[in-house]
N, C-alpha and C. Protein backbone atom coordinates (compact mmCIF):
# COMPACT_ATOMS: atom_id res chain seq x y z
N MET A 1 22.70 183.74 62.78
CA MET A 1 23.90 183.69 61.98
C MET A 1 23.87 182.41 61.15
N GLN A 2 24.15 182.54 59.86
CA GLN A 2 24.19 181.38 58.98
C GLN A 2 25.64 181.02 58.65
N VAL A 3 25.94 179.74 58.83
CA VAL A 3 27.28 179.21 58.59
C VAL A 3 27.18 178.14 57.51
N VAL A 4 28.04 178.21 56.51
CA VAL A 4 28.05 177.22 55.44
C VAL A 4 29.42 176.55 55.38
N PHE A 5 29.42 175.21 55.52
CA PHE A 5 30.61 174.39 55.28
C PHE A 5 30.51 173.96 53.82
N LEU A 6 31.43 174.40 52.98
CA LEU A 6 31.39 174.06 51.56
C LEU A 6 31.86 172.65 51.26
N ASP A 7 32.68 172.10 52.13
CA ASP A 7 33.27 170.79 51.86
C ASP A 7 33.56 170.07 53.17
N SER A 8 32.49 169.61 53.80
CA SER A 8 32.64 168.89 55.06
C SER A 8 32.90 167.41 54.78
N ALA A 9 33.18 166.65 55.79
CA ALA A 9 33.54 165.25 55.61
C ALA A 9 32.36 164.29 55.52
N PRO A 10 31.21 164.59 56.13
CA PRO A 10 30.11 163.61 56.05
C PRO A 10 29.71 163.31 54.61
N SER A 11 29.05 162.20 54.43
CA SER A 11 28.71 161.78 53.07
C SER A 11 27.50 162.50 52.49
N GLY A 12 26.70 163.15 53.31
CA GLY A 12 25.53 163.85 52.79
C GLY A 12 25.41 165.25 53.36
N SER A 13 24.53 166.04 52.75
CA SER A 13 24.28 167.39 53.24
C SER A 13 23.46 167.32 54.53
N CYS A 14 23.68 168.28 55.42
CA CYS A 14 22.88 168.32 56.63
C CYS A 14 22.74 169.76 57.09
N ARG A 15 21.74 169.97 57.92
CA ARG A 15 21.47 171.30 58.47
C ARG A 15 21.13 171.12 59.94
N TYR A 16 21.69 171.97 60.80
CA TYR A 16 21.43 171.90 62.24
C TYR A 16 21.72 173.24 62.88
N THR A 17 21.38 173.36 64.14
CA THR A 17 21.63 174.58 64.90
C THR A 17 22.69 174.29 65.94
N HIS A 18 23.63 175.22 66.10
CA HIS A 18 24.70 175.09 67.10
C HIS A 18 24.80 176.41 67.85
N HIS A 19 24.38 176.42 69.10
CA HIS A 19 24.42 177.63 69.93
C HIS A 19 23.79 178.83 69.24
N GLY A 20 22.68 178.61 68.54
CA GLY A 20 21.98 179.70 67.87
C GLY A 20 22.41 179.96 66.44
N ALA A 21 23.47 179.33 65.98
CA ALA A 21 23.91 179.49 64.59
C ALA A 21 23.23 178.42 63.73
N ASP A 22 22.76 178.82 62.56
CA ASP A 22 22.16 177.91 61.60
C ASP A 22 23.28 177.38 60.71
N ILE A 23 23.57 176.09 60.84
CA ILE A 23 24.71 175.47 60.14
C ILE A 23 24.21 174.63 58.96
N HIS A 24 24.83 174.82 57.81
CA HIS A 24 24.58 174.00 56.62
C HIS A 24 25.90 173.35 56.24
N GLU A 25 25.90 172.03 56.13
CA GLU A 25 27.11 171.31 55.70
C GLU A 25 26.85 170.63 54.37
N TYR A 26 27.78 170.82 53.46
CA TYR A 26 27.75 170.15 52.16
C TYR A 26 29.02 169.32 52.04
N PRO A 27 28.90 168.06 51.61
CA PRO A 27 30.10 167.21 51.53
C PRO A 27 31.10 167.70 50.49
N GLU A 28 30.61 168.38 49.47
CA GLU A 28 31.48 169.00 48.47
C GLU A 28 30.69 170.07 47.75
N THR A 29 31.40 171.01 47.16
CA THR A 29 30.77 172.07 46.40
C THR A 29 31.52 172.22 45.08
N VAL A 30 30.78 172.22 44.00
CA VAL A 30 31.37 172.48 42.69
C VAL A 30 31.17 173.96 42.39
N PHE A 31 31.98 174.49 41.49
CA PHE A 31 31.98 175.92 41.22
C PHE A 31 30.59 176.44 40.87
N MET A 32 29.81 175.70 40.08
CA MET A 32 28.50 176.19 39.66
C MET A 32 27.52 176.33 40.82
N ASP A 33 27.75 175.66 41.97
CA ASP A 33 26.89 175.77 43.15
C ASP A 33 27.41 176.77 44.17
N LEU A 34 28.62 177.24 43.98
CA LEU A 34 29.30 178.06 44.99
C LEU A 34 28.53 179.33 45.36
N ALA A 35 28.14 180.11 44.39
CA ALA A 35 27.46 181.38 44.67
C ALA A 35 26.14 181.15 45.40
N ASP A 36 25.36 180.17 44.96
CA ASP A 36 24.08 179.91 45.62
C ASP A 36 24.27 179.47 47.07
N ARG A 37 25.24 178.66 47.33
CA ARG A 37 25.47 178.18 48.69
C ARG A 37 26.00 179.27 49.61
N CYS A 38 26.74 180.20 49.07
CA CYS A 38 27.35 181.26 49.87
C CYS A 38 26.47 182.50 50.02
N ARG A 39 25.47 182.63 49.19
CA ARG A 39 24.69 183.87 49.08
C ARG A 39 24.18 184.38 50.42
N HIS A 40 23.66 183.52 51.30
CA HIS A 40 23.06 183.96 52.56
C HIS A 40 23.93 183.68 53.77
N ALA A 41 25.16 183.30 53.54
CA ALA A 41 26.04 182.93 54.66
C ALA A 41 26.66 184.15 55.32
N ASP A 42 26.71 184.11 56.64
CA ASP A 42 27.47 185.10 57.41
C ASP A 42 28.91 184.61 57.58
N VAL A 43 29.05 183.28 57.63
CA VAL A 43 30.36 182.64 57.79
C VAL A 43 30.47 181.54 56.74
N ILE A 44 31.57 181.53 56.00
CA ILE A 44 31.84 180.47 55.02
C ILE A 44 33.06 179.69 55.50
N VAL A 45 32.92 178.36 55.51
CA VAL A 45 34.02 177.48 55.89
C VAL A 45 34.39 176.65 54.68
N THR A 46 35.67 176.66 54.34
CA THR A 46 36.12 175.85 53.20
C THR A 46 37.44 175.17 53.53
N ARG A 47 37.54 173.91 53.10
CA ARG A 47 38.80 173.16 53.22
C ARG A 47 39.41 172.91 51.85
N VAL A 48 38.57 172.97 50.80
CA VAL A 48 39.01 172.60 49.45
C VAL A 48 38.71 173.68 48.42
N MET A 49 37.49 174.21 48.42
CA MET A 49 37.02 175.14 47.39
C MET A 49 37.60 176.55 47.60
N PRO A 50 38.40 177.05 46.65
CA PRO A 50 38.93 178.41 46.76
C PRO A 50 37.82 179.45 46.61
N LEU A 51 37.94 180.53 47.34
CA LEU A 51 36.99 181.64 47.26
C LEU A 51 37.69 182.82 46.59
N ARG A 52 37.41 183.03 45.33
CA ARG A 52 38.06 184.06 44.54
C ARG A 52 37.23 185.35 44.53
N ARG A 53 37.82 186.40 44.00
CA ARG A 53 37.18 187.72 44.01
C ARG A 53 35.79 187.69 43.37
N GLU A 54 35.64 187.01 42.24
CA GLU A 54 34.34 187.02 41.56
C GLU A 54 33.23 186.48 42.46
N ILE A 55 33.54 185.53 43.31
CA ILE A 55 32.55 185.01 44.25
C ILE A 55 32.38 185.98 45.41
N LEU A 56 33.46 186.47 45.96
CA LEU A 56 33.38 187.37 47.11
C LEU A 56 32.69 188.69 46.74
N ASP A 57 32.86 189.16 45.51
CA ASP A 57 32.14 190.35 45.05
C ASP A 57 30.65 190.08 44.91
N TYR A 58 30.31 188.91 44.41
CA TYR A 58 28.91 188.55 44.16
C TYR A 58 28.17 188.29 45.47
N VAL A 59 28.84 187.64 46.39
CA VAL A 59 28.22 187.27 47.66
C VAL A 59 28.67 188.30 48.69
N THR A 60 27.86 189.29 48.92
CA THR A 60 28.28 190.43 49.74
C THR A 60 28.03 190.25 51.23
N ARG A 61 27.33 189.22 51.63
CA ARG A 61 26.96 189.08 53.03
C ARG A 61 28.04 188.55 53.95
N PRO A 62 28.88 187.61 53.56
CA PRO A 62 29.78 187.02 54.56
C PRO A 62 30.75 188.04 55.14
N ARG A 63 30.88 188.00 56.42
CA ARG A 63 31.85 188.86 57.09
C ARG A 63 33.01 188.04 57.61
N HIS A 64 32.87 186.71 57.53
CA HIS A 64 33.91 185.83 58.05
C HIS A 64 34.09 184.63 57.13
N ILE A 65 35.35 184.25 56.93
CA ILE A 65 35.70 183.03 56.21
C ILE A 65 36.64 182.26 57.12
N ILE A 66 36.38 180.96 57.24
CA ILE A 66 37.23 180.10 58.07
C ILE A 66 37.89 179.07 57.16
N VAL A 67 39.23 178.98 57.25
CA VAL A 67 40.01 178.08 56.40
C VAL A 67 41.11 177.43 57.22
N PRO A 68 41.62 176.28 56.76
CA PRO A 68 42.80 175.69 57.41
C PRO A 68 44.01 176.62 57.24
N ALA A 69 44.75 176.82 58.29
CA ALA A 69 45.92 177.71 58.25
C ALA A 69 46.90 177.27 57.15
N GLN A 70 47.08 175.96 57.00
CA GLN A 70 48.07 175.46 56.04
C GLN A 70 47.68 175.74 54.59
N ASP A 71 46.41 176.02 54.32
CA ASP A 71 45.95 176.24 52.94
C ASP A 71 45.38 177.64 52.72
N ALA A 72 45.57 178.53 53.66
CA ALA A 72 44.92 179.84 53.62
C ALA A 72 45.21 180.62 52.33
N GLU A 73 46.46 180.67 51.92
CA GLU A 73 46.82 181.44 50.72
C GLU A 73 46.17 180.88 49.46
N ARG A 74 46.01 179.57 49.41
CA ARG A 74 45.40 178.93 48.24
C ARG A 74 43.88 179.12 48.23
N LEU A 75 43.26 179.18 49.40
CA LEU A 75 41.80 179.18 49.48
C LEU A 75 41.15 180.56 49.45
N VAL A 76 41.85 181.58 49.91
CA VAL A 76 41.24 182.91 49.94
C VAL A 76 42.32 183.96 49.71
N GLU A 77 42.01 184.92 48.88
CA GLU A 77 42.94 186.01 48.59
C GLU A 77 42.82 187.03 49.73
N GLY A 78 43.81 187.04 50.62
CA GLY A 78 43.78 187.88 51.80
C GLY A 78 43.60 189.35 51.50
N GLU A 79 44.27 189.85 50.47
CA GLU A 79 44.15 191.26 50.11
C GLU A 79 42.72 191.60 49.69
N ILE A 80 42.12 190.73 48.91
CA ILE A 80 40.74 190.95 48.45
C ILE A 80 39.79 190.89 49.63
N ALA A 81 39.95 189.90 50.49
CA ALA A 81 39.10 189.78 51.69
C ALA A 81 39.21 191.05 52.53
N GLY A 82 40.42 191.57 52.68
CA GLY A 82 40.62 192.79 53.44
C GLY A 82 39.91 193.98 52.82
N GLN A 83 40.00 194.10 51.50
CA GLN A 83 39.32 195.21 50.80
C GLN A 83 37.81 195.12 50.99
N LEU A 84 37.28 193.90 51.06
CA LEU A 84 35.84 193.70 51.21
C LEU A 84 35.42 193.62 52.68
N GLU A 85 36.38 193.86 53.58
CA GLU A 85 36.15 193.83 55.04
C GLU A 85 35.61 192.49 55.51
N ILE A 86 36.17 191.42 54.96
CA ILE A 86 35.85 190.07 55.38
C ILE A 86 37.00 189.57 56.22
N GLN A 87 36.69 189.13 57.43
CA GLN A 87 37.74 188.65 58.33
C GLN A 87 38.00 187.17 58.04
N VAL A 88 39.27 186.82 57.88
CA VAL A 88 39.66 185.44 57.62
C VAL A 88 40.19 184.85 58.92
N HIS A 89 39.61 183.71 59.33
CA HIS A 89 40.01 183.01 60.55
C HIS A 89 40.74 181.74 60.13
N LEU A 90 41.86 181.47 60.77
CA LEU A 90 42.68 180.30 60.44
C LEU A 90 42.51 179.21 61.48
N VAL A 91 42.32 177.99 61.00
CA VAL A 91 42.19 176.82 61.87
C VAL A 91 43.49 176.05 61.82
N ASP A 92 44.08 175.82 62.98
CA ASP A 92 45.36 175.12 63.03
C ASP A 92 45.23 173.60 62.86
N SER A 93 44.06 173.05 63.13
CA SER A 93 43.87 171.60 63.01
C SER A 93 44.05 171.15 61.56
N ASP A 94 44.54 169.94 61.39
CA ASP A 94 44.69 169.35 60.07
C ASP A 94 43.30 169.17 59.46
N PRO A 95 43.04 169.71 58.28
CA PRO A 95 41.70 169.60 57.69
C PRO A 95 41.28 168.18 57.36
N SER A 96 42.23 167.26 57.27
CA SER A 96 41.87 165.87 57.01
C SER A 96 41.39 165.16 58.28
N ASP A 97 41.65 165.76 59.44
CA ASP A 97 41.14 165.25 60.72
C ASP A 97 39.82 165.97 60.98
N TRP A 98 38.76 165.50 60.33
CA TRP A 98 37.48 166.19 60.33
C TRP A 98 36.96 166.50 61.74
N PRO A 99 36.93 165.56 62.68
CA PRO A 99 36.39 165.89 64.00
C PRO A 99 37.13 167.05 64.68
N SER A 100 38.45 167.06 64.62
CA SER A 100 39.22 168.15 65.23
C SER A 100 39.01 169.46 64.50
N PHE A 101 39.02 169.40 63.18
CA PHE A 101 38.82 170.60 62.37
C PHE A 101 37.45 171.20 62.66
N LYS A 102 36.42 170.37 62.64
CA LYS A 102 35.05 170.85 62.87
C LYS A 102 34.90 171.43 64.27
N THR A 103 35.49 170.80 65.27
CA THR A 103 35.44 171.31 66.64
C THR A 103 36.04 172.70 66.72
N GLU A 104 37.19 172.90 66.09
CA GLU A 104 37.84 174.20 66.12
C GLU A 104 37.02 175.25 65.35
N VAL A 105 36.43 174.86 64.24
CA VAL A 105 35.58 175.77 63.48
C VAL A 105 34.38 176.20 64.33
N LEU A 106 33.72 175.24 64.97
CA LEU A 106 32.55 175.57 65.78
C LEU A 106 32.91 176.44 66.97
N SER A 107 34.12 176.30 67.47
CA SER A 107 34.60 177.17 68.54
C SER A 107 34.73 178.62 68.03
N ILE A 108 35.26 178.78 66.84
CA ILE A 108 35.37 180.11 66.23
C ILE A 108 33.97 180.69 66.01
N VAL A 109 33.07 179.87 65.47
CA VAL A 109 31.70 180.33 65.23
C VAL A 109 31.07 180.79 66.56
N GLY A 110 31.27 180.02 67.62
CA GLY A 110 30.74 180.41 68.94
C GLY A 110 31.25 181.74 69.39
N SER A 111 32.52 182.03 69.10
CA SER A 111 33.10 183.30 69.52
C SER A 111 32.55 184.48 68.70
N LEU A 112 31.98 184.20 67.53
CA LEU A 112 31.44 185.25 66.67
C LEU A 112 29.98 185.58 66.99
N LEU A 113 29.32 184.69 67.72
CA LEU A 113 27.92 184.90 68.04
C LEU A 113 27.76 186.04 69.04
N PRO A 114 26.69 186.81 68.91
CA PRO A 114 26.46 187.89 69.88
C PRO A 114 26.33 187.34 71.30
N LYS A 115 26.88 188.04 72.24
CA LYS A 115 26.79 187.65 73.65
C LYS A 115 25.38 187.91 74.15
N GLN A 116 24.84 186.95 74.91
CA GLN A 116 23.47 187.11 75.42
C GLN A 116 23.46 187.38 76.89
């Protein structure tokens, strides 16, 4: 499973494995990089970058999007995600509290991984 953080808090990009998930973190994503970064993702995590229909139509692979609950309506169009059968997961942690937000996101990712 590939997970992409579009706007994580660290200062640089990084890639690592977490319980079998291949995680890519980008400190920020500009619109022109959005499609390329999302193209192979099974899970997209965003705190800042909105995911609009034109991106969700183009990037057909993600089945899950994880966003802060407080910004969900601004970041992803729920009706469009539903039409495309993309499940939206809400994180209750404050997105500015990066360690708590990331911990909750990784917990959701763990729950999405196939049971072994």
